[in-house]
Amino acid sequence: MENKNIILQSISLQELTSLFAESVEIKLKEFLINSNEKSSINENDFLTRKETALLFKVTVNSIHDWTNAGIIKVYKMGNRSYYKRSELLSTLFNSNTSKYGKK
């Protein structure tokens, strides 16, 4: 990494703050673009029952029960079951009731 010296003269705190915020924003955008390109996780991906169980940190039996109860939507292809990641996350974040009626 290069050693650069920066000398600030006649700059207000507001200008310095603005310059710093701009630099951070640019670097953050670059990071997000790079991480999105490298990431293989896509919200429209389909997950197997096992992958879905790992996502929720439950057993495959729980996924089976949730599917039968209509809690999560399944997509079938032959004898295989798939779940859409975006729908699973939506169900997770929109779930506001519990088994015991609490909200």
Foldseek 3Di string as FASTA:
>chain_A
DDDDDDDDDPDDPVRVVVVVVVVVVVVVVVVVVVCVVVDPDDQQDKDFLVVVCVVVVHDSVVVVVCCVVVLADWDDDPPTTIGRNNRVVVSVVPDDADPVGHD
